[in-house]
Amino acid sequence: MEHSGGGALVRVLGVDPGLTRCGIGVVEGAPGRPLRMVGVGVVRTPAEAEIGPRLLLVEQGIEAWLDEHRPELVAVERVFAQHNVRTVMGTAQASAVAMLCATRRGIPVTLHTPSEVKAAVTGSGRADKAQVTAMVQRLLRLDAPPKPADAADALALAICHIWRGGATNRLEAAIKAAARTTTPPGPRGTLR
């Protein structure tokens, strides 16, 4: 995908993992270029159901989004410990399902912390949900804020990855290139 300005556009699927509501957002863009929302939604599972069937529903929902939107990259929110162990376990399990779905297809996955996402989208790593949602609406030129908050967070993850991922990928490529040009030391004088 090429943009008229010459920079390659990338399509990113952002995942705000959750077991009851897993936010999904697809954004297309490039650093310094206008962003475009391709799709946004939530994969829902019934709270009263057993964990296995719920994870299967999350997987089926993510697979459907991958089939429909064909992203080149997937950005998932990095799970942090919360006070509620049950909530963090479900979030971590949904996160693992998203990473598995993408990896199975050979799509690179990047994890972003909540503060990285907030800083990328609003300029402050301490922004609240309302500020993130308002900036997502503005950056994507949407008529209304994306709802629920999980959907807005998924779009924010995709935006963060488009803006930050390019720099990270260039840095990793430079490090790999430098490693290839450095000749490892040969064996020291050996006695026969």
C-alpha atoms as a PDB file:
ATOM      1  CA  MET A   1       0.000   0.000   0.000  1.00  0.00           C
ATOM      2  CA  GLU A   2       1.470   3.320  -1.008  1.00  0.00           C
ATOM      3  CA  HIS A   3       0.327   6.729   0.054  1.00  0.00           C
ATOM      4  CA  SER A   4       0.349   9.565  -2.461  1.00  0.00           C
ATOM      5  CA  GLY A   5       3.085  11.180  -0.348  1.00  0.00           C
ATOM      6  CA  GLY A   6       5.376   8.231  -1.091  1.00  0.00           C
ATOM      7  CA  GLY A   7       5.507   6.651   2.394  1.00  0.00           C
ATOM      8  CA  ALA A   8       4.334   3.064   2.661  1.00  0.00           C
ATOM      9  CA  LEU A   9       1.064   2.676   4.528  1.00  0.00           C
ATOM     10  CA  VAL A  10       0.729  -0.112   7.035  1.00  0.00           C
ATOM     11  CA  ARG A  11      -2.429  -1.768   8.331  1.00  0.00           C
ATOM     12  CA  VAL A  12      -2.346  -2.583  12.045  1.00  0.00           C
ATOM     13  CA  LEU A  13      -4.843  -4.573  14.090  1.00  0.00           C
ATOM     14  CA  GLY A  14      -4.870  -3.328  17.680  1.00  0.00           C
ATOM     15  CA  VAL A  15      -6.103  -5.643  20.428  1.00  0.00           C
ATOM     16  CA  ASP A  16      -7.169  -4.430  23.874  1.00  0.00           C
ATOM     17  CA  PRO A  17      -7.325  -7.880  25.476  1.00  0.00           C
ATOM     18  CA  GLY A  18     -10.136  -8.845  27.760  1.00  0.00           C
ATOM     19  CA  LEU A  19     -12.160 -11.950  28.398  1.00  0.00           C
ATOM     20  CA  THR A  20     -15.606 -10.332  28.660  1.00  0.00           C
ATOM     21  CA  ARG A  21     -14.864  -7.573  26.104  1.00  0.00           C
ATOM     22  CA  CYS A  22     -11.837  -7.797  23.809  1.00  0.00           C
ATOM     23  CA  GLY A  23     -11.465  -4.534  21.896  1.00  0.00           C
ATOM     24  CA  ILE A  24     -10.400  -4.752  18.250  1.00  0.00           C
ATOM     25  CA  GLY A  25      -9.432  -1.827  16.024  1.00  0.00           C
ATOM     26  CA  VAL A  26      -7.852  -1.677  12.585  1.00  0.00           C
ATOM     27  CA  VAL A  27      -6.014   1.468  11.499  1.00  0.00           C
ATOM     28  CA  GLU A  28      -4.116   2.206   8.305  1.00  0.00           C
ATOM     29  CA  GLY A  29      -1.423   4.855   8.101  1.00  0.00           C
ATOM     30  CA  ALA A  30       2.235   5.803   8.293  1.00  0.00           C
ATOM     31  CA  PRO A  31       4.262   8.143  10.510  1.00  0.00           C
ATOM     32  CA  GLY A  32       3.599  11.734   9.446  1.00  0.00           C
ATOM     33  CA  ARG A  33       0.622  10.752   7.294  1.00  0.00           C
ATOM     34  CA  PRO A  34      -3.135  10.922   7.970  1.00  0.00           C
ATOM     35  CA  LEU A  35      -4.530   7.871   9.725  1.00  0.00           C
ATOM     36  CA  ARG A  36      -7.645   6.012   8.620  1.00  0.00           C
ATOM     37  CA  MET A  37      -9.854   3.755  10.701  1.00  0.00           C
ATOM     38  CA  VAL A  38     -10.612   0.581   8.772  1.00  0.00           C
ATOM     39  CA  GLY A  39     -12.787  -1.073  11.402  1.00  0.00           C
ATOM     40  CA  VAL A  40     -13.543  -1.191  15.120  1.00  0.00           C
ATOM     41  CA  GLY A  41     -15.470  -3.524  17.368  1.00  0.00           C
ATOM     42  CA  VAL A  42     -15.514  -5.777  20.388  1.00  0.00           C
ATOM     43  CA  VAL A  43     -15.386  -9.555  20.736  1.00  0.00           C
ATOM     44  CA  ARG A  44     -17.686 -10.416  23.647  1.00  0.00           C
ATOM     45  CA  THR A  45     -17.961 -13.570  25.736  1.00  0.00           C
ATOM     46  CA  PRO A  46     -20.542 -14.427  28.414  1.00  0.00           C
ATOM     47  CA  ALA A  47     -19.117 -13.932  31.923  1.00  0.00           C
ATOM     48  CA  GLU A  48     -20.984 -16.981  33.241  1.00  0.00           C
ATOM     49  CA  ALA A  49     -19.438 -19.398  30.686  1.00  0.00           C
ATOM     50  CA  GLU A  50     -16.450 -21.658  31.392  1.00  0.00           C
ATOM     51  CA  ILE A  51     -12.980 -20.348  30.495  1.00  0.00           C
ATOM     52  CA  GLY A  52     -12.347 -22.798  27.595  1.00  0.00           C
ATOM     53  CA  PRO A  53     -15.407 -21.864  25.536  1.00  0.00           C
ATOM     54  CA  ARG A  54     -14.789 -18.159  26.274  1.00  0.00           C
ATOM     55  CA  LEU A  55     -11.207 -18.357  24.961  1.00  0.00           C
ATOM     56  CA  LEU A  56     -12.495 -20.192  21.892  1.00  0.00           C
ATOM     57  CA  LEU A  57     -14.974 -17.349  21.259  1.00  0.00           C
ATOM     58  CA  VAL A  58     -12.139 -14.800  21.589  1.00  0.00           C
ATOM     59  CA  GLU A  59     -10.048 -16.808  19.115  1.00  0.00           C
ATOM     60  CA  GLN A  60     -12.912 -17.100  16.622  1.00  0.00           C
ATOM     61  CA  GLY A  61     -13.601 -13.374  16.876  1.00  0.00           C
ATOM     62  CA  ILE A  62      -9.961 -12.396  16.335  1.00  0.00           C
ATOM     63  CA  GLU A  63      -9.616 -14.870  13.452  1.00  0.00           C
ATOM     64  CA  ALA A  64     -12.671 -13.309  11.782  1.00  0.00           C
ATOM     65  CA  TRP A  65     -11.087  -9.836  12.080  1.00  0.00           C
ATOM     66  CA  LEU A  66      -7.783 -11.141  10.679  1.00  0.00           C
ATOM     67  CA  ASP A  67      -9.624 -12.785   7.764  1.00  0.00           C
ATOM     68  CA  GLU A  68     -11.658  -9.675   6.973  1.00  0.00           C
ATOM     69  CA  HIS A  69      -9.011  -6.969   7.363  1.00  0.00           C
ATOM     70  CA  ARG A  70      -5.686  -8.724   6.554  1.00  0.00           C
ATOM     71  CA  PRO A  71      -3.438  -6.583   8.790  1.00  0.00           C
ATOM     72  CA  GLU A  72       0.331  -6.602   8.280  1.00  0.00           C
ATOM     73  CA  LEU A  73       1.003  -6.102  11.996  1.00  0.00           C
ATOM     74  CA  VAL A  74      -0.764  -6.780  15.282  1.00  0.00           C
ATOM     75  CA  ALA A  75      -0.350  -4.599  18.384  1.00  0.00           C
ATOM     76  CA  VAL A  76      -1.509  -5.993  21.730  1.00  0.00           C
ATOM     77  CA  GLU A  77      -1.651  -4.193  25.053  1.00  0.00           C
ATOM     78  CA  ARG A  78       0.962  -5.569  27.447  1.00  0.00           C
ATOM     79  CA  VAL A  79      -0.781  -6.974  30.501  1.00  0.00           C
ATOM     80  CA  PHE A  80       0.149  -5.441  33.840  1.00  0.00           C
ATOM     81  CA  ALA A  81      -0.669  -6.772  37.288  1.00  0.00           C
ATOM     82  CA  GLN A  82      -3.856  -5.365  38.670  1.00  0.00           C
ATOM     83  CA  HIS A  83      -5.419  -5.678  42.111  1.00  0.00           C
ATOM     84  CA  ASN A  84      -7.983  -8.159  40.803  1.00  0.00           C
ATOM     85  CA  VAL A  85      -6.082 -11.389  40.028  1.00  0.00           C
ATOM     86  CA  ARG A  86      -9.092 -12.916  38.266  1.00  0.00           C
ATOM     87  CA  THR A  87      -9.325  -9.944  35.893  1.00  0.00           C
ATOM     88  CA  VAL A  88      -5.608  -9.952  35.093  1.00  0.00           C
ATOM     89  CA  MET A  89      -5.688 -13.708  34.405  1.00  0.00           C
ATOM     90  CA  GLY A  90      -8.525 -13.339  31.893  1.00  0.00           C
ATOM     91  CA  THR A  91      -6.778 -10.383  30.273  1.00  0.00           C
ATOM     92  CA  ALA A  92      -3.507 -12.328  30.010  1.00  0.00           C
ATOM     93  CA  GLN A  93      -5.303 -15.337  28.532  1.00  0.00           C
ATOM     94  CA  ALA A  94      -7.083 -13.186  25.918  1.00  0.00           C
ATOM     95  CA  SER A  95      -3.749 -11.510  25.129  1.00  0.00           C
ATOM     96  CA  ALA A  96      -2.120 -14.907  24.562  1.00  0.00           C
ATOM     97  CA  VAL A  97      -4.966 -15.929  22.218  1.00  0.00           C
ATOM     98  CA  ALA A  98      -4.470 -12.747  20.150  1.00  0.00           C
ATOM     99  CA  MET A  99      -0.708 -13.334  19.927  1.00  0.00           C
ATOM    100  CA  LEU A 100      -1.265 -16.971  18.942  1.00  0.00           C
ATOM    101  CA  CYS A 101      -3.773 -16.089  16.196  1.00  0.00           C
ATOM    102  CA  ALA A 102      -1.369 -13.559  14.637  1.00  0.00           C
ATOM    103  CA  THR A 103       1.741 -15.727  15.012  1.00  0.00           C
ATOM    104  CA  ARG A 104      -0.027 -18.718  13.433  1.00  0.00           C
ATOM    105  CA  ARG A 105      -0.454 -16.548  10.319  1.00  0.00           C
ATOM    106  CA  GLY A 106       3.095 -15.198  10.398  1.00  0.00           C
ATOM    107  CA  ILE A 107       1.941 -11.688  11.338  1.00  0.00           C
ATOM    108  CA  PRO A 108       4.435  -9.867  13.595  1.00  0.00           C
ATOM    109  CA  VAL A 109       3.082  -9.017  17.054  1.00  0.00           C
ATOM    110  CA  THR A 110       4.256  -6.134  19.243  1.00  0.00           C
ATOM    111  CA  LEU A 111       3.248  -5.484  22.836  1.00  0.00           C
ATOM    112  CA  HIS A 112       2.785  -1.906  24.035  1.00  0.00           C
ATOM    113  CA  THR A 113       2.323  -0.797  27.632  1.00  0.00           C
ATOM    114  CA  PRO A 114      -0.688   1.344  28.513  1.00  0.00           C
ATOM    115  CA  SER A 115       1.591   4.318  29.267  1.00  0.00           C
ATOM    116  CA  GLU A 116       3.349   3.955  25.864  1.00  0.00           C
ATOM    117  CA  VAL A 117      -0.032   4.032  24.141  1.00  0.00           C
ATOM    118  CA  LYS A 118      -1.239   7.031  26.150  1.00  0.00           C
ATOM    119  CA  ALA A 119       2.002   8.935  25.493  1.00  0.00           C
ATOM    120  CA  ALA A 120       1.920   8.180  21.755  1.00  0.00           C
ATOM    121  CA  VAL A 121      -1.711   9.220  21.330  1.00  0.00           C
ATOM    122  CA  THR A 122      -2.061  12.117  23.805  1.00  0.00           C
ATOM    123  CA  GLY A 123       1.512  13.185  24.579  1.00  0.00           C
ATOM    124  CA  SER A 124       1.129  12.134  28.224  1.00  0.00           C
ATOM    125  CA  GLY A 125       1.666   8.655  29.666  1.00  0.00           C
ATOM    126  CA  ARG A 126      -0.730   9.600  32.481  1.00  0.00           C
ATOM    127  CA  ALA A 127      -3.716  10.516  30.276  1.00  0.00           C
ATOM    128  CA  ASP A 128      -7.097   9.170  31.346  1.00  0.00           C
ATOM    129  CA  LYS A 129      -9.464   7.078  29.209  1.00  0.00           C
ATOM    130  CA  ALA A 130     -11.553  10.116  28.227  1.00  0.00           C
ATOM    131  CA  GLN A 131      -8.450  11.951  26.916  1.00  0.00           C
ATOM    132  CA  VAL A 132      -7.306   8.878  24.949  1.00  0.00           C
ATOM    133  CA  THR A 133     -10.781   8.415  23.438  1.00  0.00           C
ATOM    134  CA  ALA A 134     -11.019  12.108  22.490  1.00  0.00           C
ATOM    135  CA  MET A 135      -7.600  12.014  20.770  1.00  0.00           C
ATOM    136  CA  VAL A 136      -8.430   8.782  18.935  1.00  0.00           C
ATOM    137  CA  GLN A 137     -11.627  10.424  17.655  1.00  0.00           C
ATOM    138  CA  ARG A 138      -9.666  13.498  16.556  1.00  0.00           C
ATOM    139  CA  LEU A 139      -6.730  11.622  14.976  1.00  0.00           C
ATOM    140  CA  LEU A 140      -9.039   9.344  13.000  1.00  0.00           C
ATOM    141  CA  ARG A 141     -11.439  12.197  12.150  1.00  0.00           C
ATOM    142  CA  LEU A 142     -14.454  10.271  13.495  1.00  0.00           C
ATOM    143  CA  ASP A 143     -17.893  11.853  13.915  1.00  0.00           C
ATOM    144  CA  ALA A 144     -18.319  10.295  17.372  1.00  0.00           C
ATOM    145  CA  PRO A 145     -16.028   8.758  19.967  1.00  0.00           C
ATOM    146  CA  PRO A 146     -15.560   5.009  19.464  1.00  0.00           C
ATOM    147  CA  LYS A 147     -17.485   2.983  22.057  1.00  0.00           C
ATOM    148  CA  PRO A 148     -17.063   1.079  24.280  1.00  0.00           C
ATOM    149  CA  ALA A 149     -13.734   2.140  25.803  1.00  0.00           C
ATOM    150  CA  ASP A 150     -12.195  -1.222  24.843  1.00  0.00           C
ATOM    151  CA  ALA A 151     -12.750  -0.379  21.164  1.00  0.00           C
ATOM    152  CA  ALA A 152     -11.177   3.081  21.565  1.00  0.00           C
ATOM    153  CA  ASP A 153      -8.199   1.519  23.375  1.00  0.00           C
ATOM    154  CA  ALA A 154      -7.720  -0.971  20.525  1.00  0.00           C
ATOM    155  CA  LEU A 155      -7.620   1.887  17.998  1.00  0.00           C
ATOM    156  CA  ALA A 156      -5.149   3.744  20.248  1.00  0.00           C
ATOM    157  CA  LEU A 157      -2.903   0.648  20.263  1.00  0.00           C
ATOM    158  CA  ALA A 158      -2.934   0.513  16.462  1.00  0.00           C
ATOM    159  CA  ILE A 159      -2.147   4.259  16.230  1.00  0.00           C
ATOM    160  CA  CYS A 160       0.665   3.876  18.768  1.00  0.00           C
ATOM    161  CA  HIS A 161       2.185   1.054  16.760  1.00  0.00           C
ATOM    162  CA  ILE A 162       2.015   2.938  13.475  1.00  0.00           C
ATOM    163  CA  TRP A 163       3.779   5.925  15.029  1.00  0.00           C
ATOM    164  CA  ARG A 164       6.225   4.109  17.307  1.00  0.00           C
ATOM    165  CA  GLY A 165       6.596   0.798  15.489  1.00  0.00           C
ATOM    166  CA  GLY A 166       8.310   2.340  12.495  1.00  0.00           C
ATOM    167  CA  ALA A 167      11.073   3.775  14.663  1.00  0.00           C
ATOM    168  CA  THR A 168      11.398   0.523  16.624  1.00  0.00           C
ATOM    169  CA  ASN A 169      11.588  -1.545  13.435  1.00  0.00           C
ATOM    170  CA  ARG A 170      14.267   0.755  11.964  1.00  0.00           C
ATOM    171  CA  LEU A 171      16.284   0.530  15.190  1.00  0.00           C
ATOM    172  CA  GLU A 172      16.065  -3.287  15.234  1.00  0.00           C
ATOM    173  CA  ALA A 173      17.105  -3.444  11.560  1.00  0.00           C
ATOM    174  CA  ALA A 174      20.103  -1.181  12.247  1.00  0.00           C
ATOM    175  CA  ILE A 175      21.187  -3.354  15.187  1.00  0.00           C
ATOM    176  CA  LYS A 176      20.902  -6.522  13.083  1.00  0.00           C
ATOM    177  CA  ALA A 177      22.832  -4.894  10.226  1.00  0.00           C
ATOM    178  CA  ALA A 178      25.590  -3.810  12.620  1.00  0.00           C
ATOM    179  CA  ALA A 179      25.784  -7.318  14.064  1.00  0.00           C
ATOM    180  CA  ARG A 180      26.200  -8.800  10.557  1.00  0.00           C
ATOM    181  CA  THR A 181      29.088  -6.482   9.700  1.00  0.00           C
ATOM    182  CA  THR A 182      30.985  -7.240  12.901  1.00  0.00           C
ATOM    183  CA  THR A 183      33.263 -10.198  12.353  1.00  0.00           C
ATOM    184  CA  PRO A 184      33.333 -12.563  15.295  1.00  0.00           C
ATOM    185  CA  PRO A 185      36.811 -13.269  16.625  1.00  0.00           C
ATOM    186  CA  GLY A 186      38.374 -16.410  15.179  1.00  0.00           C
ATOM    187  CA  PRO A 187      39.928 -19.199  17.233  1.00  0.00           C
ATOM    188  CA  ARG A 188      43.018 -18.149  19.113  1.00  0.00           C
ATOM    189  CA  GLY A 189      46.292 -19.864  18.337  1.00  0.00           C
ATOM    190  CA  THR A 190      45.773 -23.563  18.817  1.00  0.00           C
ATOM    191  CA  LEU A 191      48.498 -26.046  19.510  1.00  0.00           C
ATOM    192  CA  ARG A 192      48.707 -29.180  17.474  1.00  0.00           C
END
